[in-house]
Amino acid sequence: MSEPPKPFGAPRWRRVLLKLSGEAFGGSGGVIDWPSVEQIARDAQEATERGVELGIVVGGGNIWRGKRAAQQGMDRATADYAGMVATVLNALCLQDALESLGLDTRVQTAIEMREVAEPFIRRRAIRHLEKGRIVIFGAGTGNPFFTTDTAAVLRAIEIGAEAILKATNVDGVYDKNPHECPDAVYLPRVTYLQALEQRLQVMDATAISLSMDNNLPIVVFNIHTPGNIVRAACGEVVGTLVSEEQ
């Protein structure tokens, strides 16, 4: 008996950049919650099986927050470099989960760590994607004072991604923090200017401005709902779409 058809259509975007926060790796089980990592890997597998070329930028907030360390007295640049190392730990965990499913994967880092990952080389990353490999980008931009959100937009532009899939722990963009304000209003469509002017919690201002300058749409969705990665990549109505027009 043949399997029933899957509920997803053809991909809306051929190549996307998935941005994962560090919290996605922590789940509810601490620093690294392995079932959460495995779920992300299964969702990524589903997307690649649909023909999506997938680059991934990972955060490190489940392990280290440079800004918080700097507020406690640590040199900000040093704190940020420590955060970059934390993102590589997450990248390696995700790589292992993906490869356990039989997926061909490469980790590239903005800071050279040749024993565990390739250095980021734009043309090599694109070639990997063309061959069907998932490329995980670690260590942010390699520069302090820049967030991994900015790194995600930068890498998306460099590899020619058609959209950014921003995975969060809420269903999309709200007019204020839904965890703190019960009356927060969900916004299904937002423009870049609205996100900037209203200081909506989409990405930092640098990342949004860079997306706006390059007309790169951002889909903000809940990573904890299985299947959301492929739904977003296939253009289904999931989460919030941030683009030039409402």
C-alpha atoms as a PDB file:
ATOM      1  CA  MET A   1       0.000   0.000   0.000  1.00  0.00           C
ATOM      2  CA  SER A   2       1.393   3.385  -0.966  1.00  0.00           C
ATOM      3  CA  GLU A   3       1.989   6.036   1.685  1.00  0.00           C
ATOM      4  CA  PRO A   4      -0.562   8.860   1.939  1.00  0.00           C
ATOM      5  CA  PRO A   5       0.571  12.122   0.361  1.00  0.00           C
ATOM      6  CA  LYS A   6       2.317  14.584   2.650  1.00  0.00           C
ATOM      7  CA  PRO A   7       0.474  17.825   3.392  1.00  0.00           C
ATOM      8  CA  PHE A   8       3.120  20.090   1.901  1.00  0.00           C
ATOM      9  CA  GLY A   9       3.305  21.463  -1.605  1.00  0.00           C
ATOM     10  CA  ALA A  10       6.268  22.403  -3.760  1.00  0.00           C
ATOM     11  CA  PRO A  11       8.792  24.807  -2.230  1.00  0.00           C
ATOM     12  CA  ARG A  12       8.065  28.485  -2.652  1.00  0.00           C
ATOM     13  CA  TRP A  13      11.779  29.232  -2.416  1.00  0.00           C
ATOM     14  CA  ARG A  14      14.514  27.083  -3.917  1.00  0.00           C
ATOM     15  CA  ARG A  15      17.188  28.154  -1.426  1.00  0.00           C
ATOM     16  CA  VAL A  16      16.560  29.474   2.079  1.00  0.00           C
ATOM     17  CA  LEU A  17      18.551  30.436   5.155  1.00  0.00           C
ATOM     18  CA  LEU A  18      17.200  29.028   8.417  1.00  0.00           C
ATOM     19  CA  LYS A  19      18.080  31.055  11.503  1.00  0.00           C
ATOM     20  CA  LEU A  20      18.010  29.043  14.729  1.00  0.00           C
ATOM     21  CA  SER A  21      18.347  30.731  18.086  1.00  0.00           C
ATOM     22  CA  GLY A  22      20.309  29.070  20.849  1.00  0.00           C
ATOM     23  CA  GLU A  23      17.057  28.591  22.750  1.00  0.00           C
ATOM     24  CA  ALA A  24      15.898  26.190  20.026  1.00  0.00           C
ATOM     25  CA  PHE A  25      18.703  23.847  21.100  1.00  0.00           C
ATOM     26  CA  GLY A  26      17.976  24.188  24.802  1.00  0.00           C
ATOM     27  CA  GLY A  27      14.281  23.384  24.541  1.00  0.00           C
ATOM     28  CA  SER A  28      12.961  22.723  28.022  1.00  0.00           C
ATOM     29  CA  GLY A  29      15.831  20.454  28.963  1.00  0.00           C
ATOM     30  CA  GLY A  30      18.744  22.767  29.704  1.00  0.00           C
ATOM     31  CA  VAL A  31      21.800  23.721  27.659  1.00  0.00           C
ATOM     32  CA  ILE A  32      21.421  21.038  24.961  1.00  0.00           C
ATOM     33  CA  ASP A  33      18.091  19.237  24.796  1.00  0.00           C
ATOM     34  CA  TRP A  34      18.797  16.388  22.402  1.00  0.00           C
ATOM     35  CA  PRO A  35      15.158  15.582  21.524  1.00  0.00           C
ATOM     36  CA  SER A  36      14.753  19.233  20.435  1.00  0.00           C
ATOM     37  CA  VAL A  37      17.855  18.999  18.259  1.00  0.00           C
ATOM     38  CA  GLU A  38      16.599  15.762  16.710  1.00  0.00           C
ATOM     39  CA  GLN A  39      13.227  17.352  15.931  1.00  0.00           C
ATOM     40  CA  ILE A  40      14.956  20.252  14.161  1.00  0.00           C
ATOM     41  CA  ALA A  41      16.990  17.738  12.167  1.00  0.00           C
ATOM     42  CA  ARG A  42      13.863  15.809  11.110  1.00  0.00           C
ATOM     43  CA  ASP A  43      12.173  19.023   9.995  1.00  0.00           C
ATOM     44  CA  ALA A  44      15.277  20.030   8.046  1.00  0.00           C
ATOM     45  CA  GLN A  45      15.296  16.606   6.402  1.00  0.00           C
ATOM     46  CA  GLU A  46      11.664  17.093   5.348  1.00  0.00           C
ATOM     47  CA  ALA A  47      12.548  20.414   3.728  1.00  0.00           C
ATOM     48  CA  THR A  48      15.505  19.012   1.792  1.00  0.00           C
ATOM     49  CA  GLU A  49      13.379  16.088   0.602  1.00  0.00           C
ATOM     50  CA  ARG A  50      11.046  18.692  -0.894  1.00  0.00           C
ATOM     51  CA  GLY A  51      13.956  20.090  -2.907  1.00  0.00           C
ATOM     52  CA  VAL A  52      14.877  23.037  -0.673  1.00  0.00           C
ATOM     53  CA  GLU A  53      18.550  23.995  -0.546  1.00  0.00           C
ATOM     54  CA  LEU A  54      19.145  24.757   3.121  1.00  0.00           C
ATOM     55  CA  GLY A  55      21.718  26.929   4.842  1.00  0.00           C
ATOM     56  CA  ILE A  56      21.505  27.293   8.619  1.00  0.00           C
ATOM     57  CA  VAL A  57      22.876  29.944  10.967  1.00  0.00           C
ATOM     58  CA  VAL A  58      22.854  28.982  14.637  1.00  0.00           C
ATOM     59  CA  GLY A  59      22.903  31.138  17.737  1.00  0.00           C
ATOM     60  CA  GLY A  60      24.523  30.287  21.055  1.00  0.00           C
ATOM     61  CA  GLY A  61      22.264  31.857  23.663  1.00  0.00           C
ATOM     62  CA  ASN A  62      21.540  28.531  25.341  1.00  0.00           C
ATOM     63  CA  ILE A  63      25.227  28.352  26.287  1.00  0.00           C
ATOM     64  CA  TRP A  64      26.527  31.908  26.456  1.00  0.00           C
ATOM     65  CA  ARG A  65      25.247  35.470  26.149  1.00  0.00           C
ATOM     66  CA  GLY A  66      28.020  37.922  25.396  1.00  0.00           C
ATOM     67  CA  LYS A  67      25.912  41.004  26.069  1.00  0.00           C
ATOM     68  CA  ARG A  68      24.963  39.782  29.527  1.00  0.00           C
ATOM     69  CA  ALA A  69      28.575  38.904  30.344  1.00  0.00           C
ATOM     70  CA  ALA A  70      29.662  42.380  29.205  1.00  0.00           C
ATOM     71  CA  GLN A  71      27.040  43.979  31.458  1.00  0.00           C
ATOM     72  CA  GLN A  72      28.614  42.114  34.367  1.00  0.00           C
ATOM     73  CA  GLY A  73      32.016  43.610  33.634  1.00  0.00           C
ATOM     74  CA  MET A  74      33.598  41.400  30.959  1.00  0.00           C
ATOM     75  CA  ASP A  75      35.205  43.052  27.955  1.00  0.00           C
ATOM     76  CA  ARG A  76      32.475  43.148  25.294  1.00  0.00           C
ATOM     77  CA  ALA A  77      34.648  41.974  22.402  1.00  0.00           C
ATOM     78  CA  THR A  78      35.988  39.032  24.413  1.00  0.00           C
ATOM     79  CA  ALA A  79      32.470  38.154  25.558  1.00  0.00           C
ATOM     80  CA  ASP A  80      31.258  38.175  21.960  1.00  0.00           C
ATOM     81  CA  TYR A  81      34.100  35.914  20.825  1.00  0.00           C
ATOM     82  CA  ALA A  82      33.131  33.453  23.570  1.00  0.00           C
ATOM     83  CA  GLY A  83      29.591  33.555  22.190  1.00  0.00           C
ATOM     84  CA  MET A  84      30.896  32.727  18.722  1.00  0.00           C
ATOM     85  CA  VAL A  85      32.548  29.601  20.109  1.00  0.00           C
ATOM     86  CA  ALA A  86      29.215  28.645  21.714  1.00  0.00           C
ATOM     87  CA  THR A  87      27.484  28.777  18.325  1.00  0.00           C
ATOM     88  CA  VAL A  88      30.006  26.287  16.948  1.00  0.00           C
ATOM     89  CA  LEU A  89      29.119  23.827  19.709  1.00  0.00           C
ATOM     90  CA  ASN A  90      25.467  24.052  18.630  1.00  0.00           C
ATOM     91  CA  ALA A  91      26.472  23.716  14.977  1.00  0.00           C
ATOM     92  CA  LEU A  92      28.357  20.497  15.653  1.00  0.00           C
ATOM     93  CA  CYS A  93      25.436  19.046  17.631  1.00  0.00           C
ATOM     94  CA  LEU A  94      23.059  19.837  14.778  1.00  0.00           C
ATOM     95  CA  GLN A  95      25.465  18.377  12.248  1.00  0.00           C
ATOM     96  CA  ASP A  96      25.566  15.115  14.182  1.00  0.00           C
ATOM     97  CA  ALA A  97      21.754  14.962  14.385  1.00  0.00           C
ATOM     98  CA  LEU A  98      21.431  15.627  10.649  1.00  0.00           C
ATOM     99  CA  GLU A  99      24.047  13.077   9.678  1.00  0.00           C
ATOM    100  CA  SER A 100      22.389  10.445  11.882  1.00  0.00           C
ATOM    101  CA  LEU A 101      19.456  10.783   9.445  1.00  0.00           C
ATOM    102  CA  GLY A 102      21.751  10.220   6.488  1.00  0.00           C
ATOM    103  CA  LEU A 103      21.960  13.863   5.393  1.00  0.00           C
ATOM    104  CA  ASP A 104      25.177  15.210   3.879  1.00  0.00           C
ATOM    105  CA  THR A 105      26.208  18.190   5.980  1.00  0.00           C
ATOM    106  CA  ARG A 106      29.032  20.706   6.256  1.00  0.00           C
ATOM    107  CA  VAL A 107      29.840  23.140   9.071  1.00  0.00           C
ATOM    108  CA  GLN A 108      31.581  26.367   8.096  1.00  0.00           C
ATOM    109  CA  THR A 109      32.813  28.865  10.659  1.00  0.00           C
ATOM    110  CA  ALA A 110      33.717  32.540  10.447  1.00  0.00           C
ATOM    111  CA  ILE A 111      36.606  31.843  12.863  1.00  0.00           C
ATOM    112  CA  GLU A 112      38.910  29.107  11.637  1.00  0.00           C
ATOM    113  CA  MET A 113      38.609  25.804  13.514  1.00  0.00           C
ATOM    114  CA  ARG A 114      39.976  23.475  10.865  1.00  0.00           C
ATOM    115  CA  GLU A 115      39.976  20.382  13.077  1.00  0.00           C
ATOM    116  CA  VAL A 116      36.175  20.478  13.397  1.00  0.00           C
ATOM    117  CA  ALA A 117      34.846  22.641  10.544  1.00  0.00           C
ATOM    118  CA  GLU A 118      35.634  24.309   7.241  1.00  0.00           C
ATOM    119  CA  PRO A 119      36.413  28.027   7.180  1.00  0.00           C
ATOM    120  CA  PHE A 120      33.617  30.034   5.615  1.00  0.00           C
ATOM    121  CA  ILE A 121      34.260  30.370   1.894  1.00  0.00           C
ATOM    122  CA  ARG A 122      31.326  31.738  -0.063  1.00  0.00           C
ATOM    123  CA  ARG A 123      31.873  29.825  -3.297  1.00  0.00           C
ATOM    124  CA  ARG A 124      32.464  26.571  -1.448  1.00  0.00           C
ATOM    125  CA  ALA A 125      29.268  27.052   0.562  1.00  0.00           C
ATOM    126  CA  ILE A 126      27.268  27.622  -2.622  1.00  0.00           C
ATOM    127  CA  ARG A 127      28.809  24.543  -4.217  1.00  0.00           C
ATOM    128  CA  HIS A 128      27.824  22.440  -1.205  1.00  0.00           C
ATOM    129  CA  LEU A 129      24.233  23.680  -1.487  1.00  0.00           C
ATOM    130  CA  GLU A 130      24.144  22.915  -5.209  1.00  0.00           C
ATOM    131  CA  LYS A 131      25.194  19.345  -4.386  1.00  0.00           C
ATOM    132  CA  GLY A 132      22.318  18.965  -1.950  1.00  0.00           C
ATOM    133  CA  ARG A 133      24.326  19.362   1.234  1.00  0.00           C
ATOM    134  CA  ILE A 134      23.062  21.294   4.234  1.00  0.00           C
ATOM    135  CA  VAL A 135      25.527  23.992   5.252  1.00  0.00           C
ATOM    136  CA  ILE A 136      25.596  25.112   8.894  1.00  0.00           C
ATOM    137  CA  PHE A 137      27.255  28.453   9.520  1.00  0.00           C
ATOM    138  CA  GLY A 138      28.840  28.964  12.943  1.00  0.00           C
ATOM    139  CA  ALA A 139      30.685  31.758  14.756  1.00  0.00           C
ATOM    140  CA  GLY A 140      28.371  34.503  13.534  1.00  0.00           C
ATOM    141  CA  THR A 141      30.069  37.031  11.274  1.00  0.00           C
ATOM    142  CA  GLY A 142      33.405  36.491  13.005  1.00  0.00           C
ATOM    143  CA  ASN A 143      33.214  40.024  14.395  1.00  0.00           C
ATOM    144  CA  PRO A 144      32.213  41.237  17.868  1.00  0.00           C
ATOM    145  CA  PHE A 145      29.270  43.628  18.291  1.00  0.00           C
ATOM    146  CA  PHE A 146      27.246  41.874  15.562  1.00  0.00           C
ATOM    147  CA  THR A 147      24.409  39.468  16.369  1.00  0.00           C
ATOM    148  CA  THR A 148      23.773  36.090  14.791  1.00  0.00           C
ATOM    149  CA  ASP A 149      20.626  37.638  13.291  1.00  0.00           C
ATOM    150  CA  THR A 150      22.857  39.970  11.303  1.00  0.00           C
ATOM    151  CA  ALA A 151      25.069  36.999  10.453  1.00  0.00           C
ATOM    152  CA  ALA A 152      21.996  35.155   9.139  1.00  0.00           C
ATOM    153  CA  VAL A 153      21.030  37.976   6.795  1.00  0.00           C
ATOM    154  CA  LEU A 154      24.620  38.423   5.641  1.00  0.00           C
ATOM    155  CA  ARG A 155      25.061  34.720   4.878  1.00  0.00           C
ATOM    156  CA  ALA A 156      21.646  34.600   3.165  1.00  0.00           C
ATOM    157  CA  ILE A 157      22.692  37.367   0.796  1.00  0.00           C
ATOM    158  CA  GLU A 158      26.104  35.809   0.181  1.00  0.00           C
ATOM    159  CA  ILE A 159      24.723  32.389  -0.758  1.00  0.00           C
ATOM    160  CA  GLY A 160      21.849  33.788  -2.825  1.00  0.00           C
ATOM    161  CA  ALA A 161      19.046  32.628  -0.519  1.00  0.00           C
ATOM    162  CA  GLU A 162      15.570  33.747  -1.505  1.00  0.00           C
ATOM    163  CA  ALA A 163      14.201  34.039   2.044  1.00  0.00           C
ATOM    164  CA  ILE A 164      15.140  33.849   5.696  1.00  0.00           C
ATOM    165  CA  LEU A 165      13.231  31.460   7.956  1.00  0.00           C
ATOM    166  CA  LYS A 166      13.560  32.870  11.459  1.00  0.00           C
ATOM    167  CA  ALA A 167      12.731  30.182  14.033  1.00  0.00           C
ATOM    168  CA  THR A 168      11.548  31.447  17.421  1.00  0.00           C
ATOM    169  CA  ASN A 169       9.698  30.212  20.506  1.00  0.00           C
ATOM    170  CA  VAL A 170       6.491  32.114  19.643  1.00  0.00           C
ATOM    171  CA  ASP A 171       4.055  31.817  16.734  1.00  0.00           C
ATOM    172  CA  GLY A 172       5.254  34.933  14.917  1.00  0.00           C
ATOM    173  CA  VAL A 173       5.608  38.672  15.438  1.00  0.00           C
ATOM    174  CA  TYR A 174       3.545  40.502  18.066  1.00  0.00           C
ATOM    175  CA  ASP A 175       3.201  44.214  18.782  1.00  0.00           C
ATOM    176  CA  LYS A 176       4.814  43.540  22.186  1.00  0.00           C
ATOM    177  CA  ASN A 177       6.312  40.637  24.089  1.00  0.00           C
ATOM    178  CA  PRO A 178       3.559  37.994  24.363  1.00  0.00           C
ATOM    179  CA  HIS A 179       5.329  36.340  27.304  1.00  0.00           C
ATOM    180  CA  GLU A 180       5.035  39.536  29.331  1.00  0.00           C
ATOM    181  CA  CYS A 181       1.860  41.139  27.928  1.00  0.00           C
ATOM    182  CA  PRO A 182      -1.338  39.049  27.737  1.00  0.00           C
ATOM    183  CA  ASP A 183      -2.902  41.673  25.446  1.00  0.00           C
ATOM    184  CA  ALA A 184      -0.144  41.388  22.823  1.00  0.00           C
ATOM    185  CA  VAL A 185      -1.538  41.404  19.278  1.00  0.00           C
ATOM    186  CA  TYR A 186      -0.324  38.891  16.686  1.00  0.00           C
ATOM    187  CA  LEU A 187       0.743  40.447  13.363  1.00  0.00           C
ATOM    188  CA  PRO A 188       0.544  38.108  10.336  1.00  0.00           C
ATOM    189  CA  ARG A 189       2.179  40.600   7.920  1.00  0.00           C
ATOM    190  CA  VAL A 190       4.711  43.316   8.716  1.00  0.00           C
ATOM    191  CA  THR A 191       6.815  45.621   6.546  1.00  0.00           C
ATOM    192  CA  TYR A 192      10.489  46.245   7.166  1.00  0.00           C
ATOM    193  CA  LEU A 193       9.746  49.867   8.073  1.00  0.00           C
ATOM    194  CA  GLN A 194       7.069  48.846  10.560  1.00  0.00           C
ATOM    195  CA  ALA A 195       9.487  46.446  12.207  1.00  0.00           C
ATOM    196  CA  LEU A 196      12.085  49.201  12.504  1.00  0.00           C
ATOM    197  CA  GLU A 197       9.827  52.069  13.507  1.00  0.00           C
ATOM    198  CA  GLN A 198       7.799  50.086  16.031  1.00  0.00           C
ATOM    199  CA  ARG A 199      10.828  48.190  17.325  1.00  0.00           C
ATOM    200  CA  LEU A 200       9.078  44.871  16.823  1.00  0.00           C
ATOM    201  CA  GLN A 201      10.958  41.825  18.037  1.00  0.00           C
ATOM    202  CA  VAL A 202      11.787  40.387  14.632  1.00  0.00           C
ATOM    203  CA  MET A 203      15.552  40.814  14.403  1.00  0.00           C
ATOM    204  CA  ASP A 204      17.916  43.569  15.446  1.00  0.00           C
ATOM    205  CA  ALA A 205      17.786  46.814  13.470  1.00  0.00           C
ATOM    206  CA  THR A 206      20.981  46.072  11.538  1.00  0.00           C
ATOM    207  CA  ALA A 207      19.621  42.735  10.322  1.00  0.00           C
ATOM    208  CA  ILE A 208      16.246  44.181   9.322  1.00  0.00           C
ATOM    209  CA  SER A 209      17.860  47.098   7.483  1.00  0.00           C
ATOM    210  CA  LEU A 210      20.125  44.720   5.584  1.00  0.00           C
ATOM    211  CA  SER A 211      17.124  42.580   4.646  1.00  0.00           C
ATOM    212  CA  MET A 212      15.217  45.658   3.496  1.00  0.00           C
ATOM    213  CA  ASP A 213      18.119  46.891   1.369  1.00  0.00           C
ATOM    214  CA  ASN A 214      18.244  43.526  -0.393  1.00  0.00           C
ATOM    215  CA  ASN A 215      14.461  42.885  -0.481  1.00  0.00           C
ATOM    216  CA  LEU A 216      14.940  39.615   1.391  1.00  0.00           C
ATOM    217  CA  PRO A 217      11.685  38.349   2.969  1.00  0.00           C
ATOM    218  CA  ILE A 218      11.727  37.022   6.536  1.00  0.00           C
ATOM    219  CA  VAL A 219       9.308  34.390   7.817  1.00  0.00           C
ATOM    220  CA  VAL A 220       9.076  34.316  11.621  1.00  0.00           C
ATOM    221  CA  PHE A 221       7.559  31.116  13.028  1.00  0.00           C
ATOM    222  CA  ASN A 222       7.492  28.746  15.997  1.00  0.00           C
ATOM    223  CA  ILE A 223      10.265  26.155  15.839  1.00  0.00           C
ATOM    224  CA  HIS A 224       8.567  23.969  18.452  1.00  0.00           C
ATOM    225  CA  THR A 225       5.718  23.034  16.092  1.00  0.00           C
ATOM    226  CA  PRO A 226       6.870  19.990  14.081  1.00  0.00           C
ATOM    227  CA  GLY A 227       6.782  20.580  10.333  1.00  0.00           C
ATOM    228  CA  ASN A 228       6.940  24.365  10.485  1.00  0.00           C
ATOM    229  CA  ILE A 229      10.284  24.566   8.691  1.00  0.00           C
ATOM    230  CA  VAL A 230       8.981  22.839   5.571  1.00  0.00           C
ATOM    231  CA  ARG A 231       5.648  24.670   5.810  1.00  0.00           C
ATOM    232  CA  ALA A 232       7.461  28.008   5.814  1.00  0.00           C
ATOM    233  CA  ALA A 233       9.738  26.952   2.948  1.00  0.00           C
ATOM    234  CA  CYS A 234       6.723  25.832   0.900  1.00  0.00           C
ATOM    235  CA  GLY A 235       5.021  29.185   1.360  1.00  0.00           C
ATOM    236  CA  GLU A 236       2.192  28.020   3.577  1.00  0.00           C
ATOM    237  CA  VAL A 237       0.662  30.574   5.906  1.00  0.00           C
ATOM    238  CA  VAL A 238       2.729  29.982   8.998  1.00  0.00           C
ATOM    239  CA  GLY A 239       3.988  32.663  11.351  1.00  0.00           C
ATOM    240  CA  THR A 240       4.597  36.242  10.219  1.00  0.00           C
ATOM    241  CA  LEU A 241       5.921  37.397   6.862  1.00  0.00           C
ATOM    242  CA  VAL A 242       8.166  40.470   6.978  1.00  0.00           C
ATOM    243  CA  SER A 243       8.593  41.991   3.528  1.00  0.00           C
ATOM    244  CA  GLU A 244       8.498  45.200   1.518  1.00  0.00           C
ATOM    245  CA  GLU A 245       4.706  45.368   1.327  1.00  0.00           C
ATOM    246  CA  GLN A 246       1.914  44.179   3.588  1.00  0.00           C
END
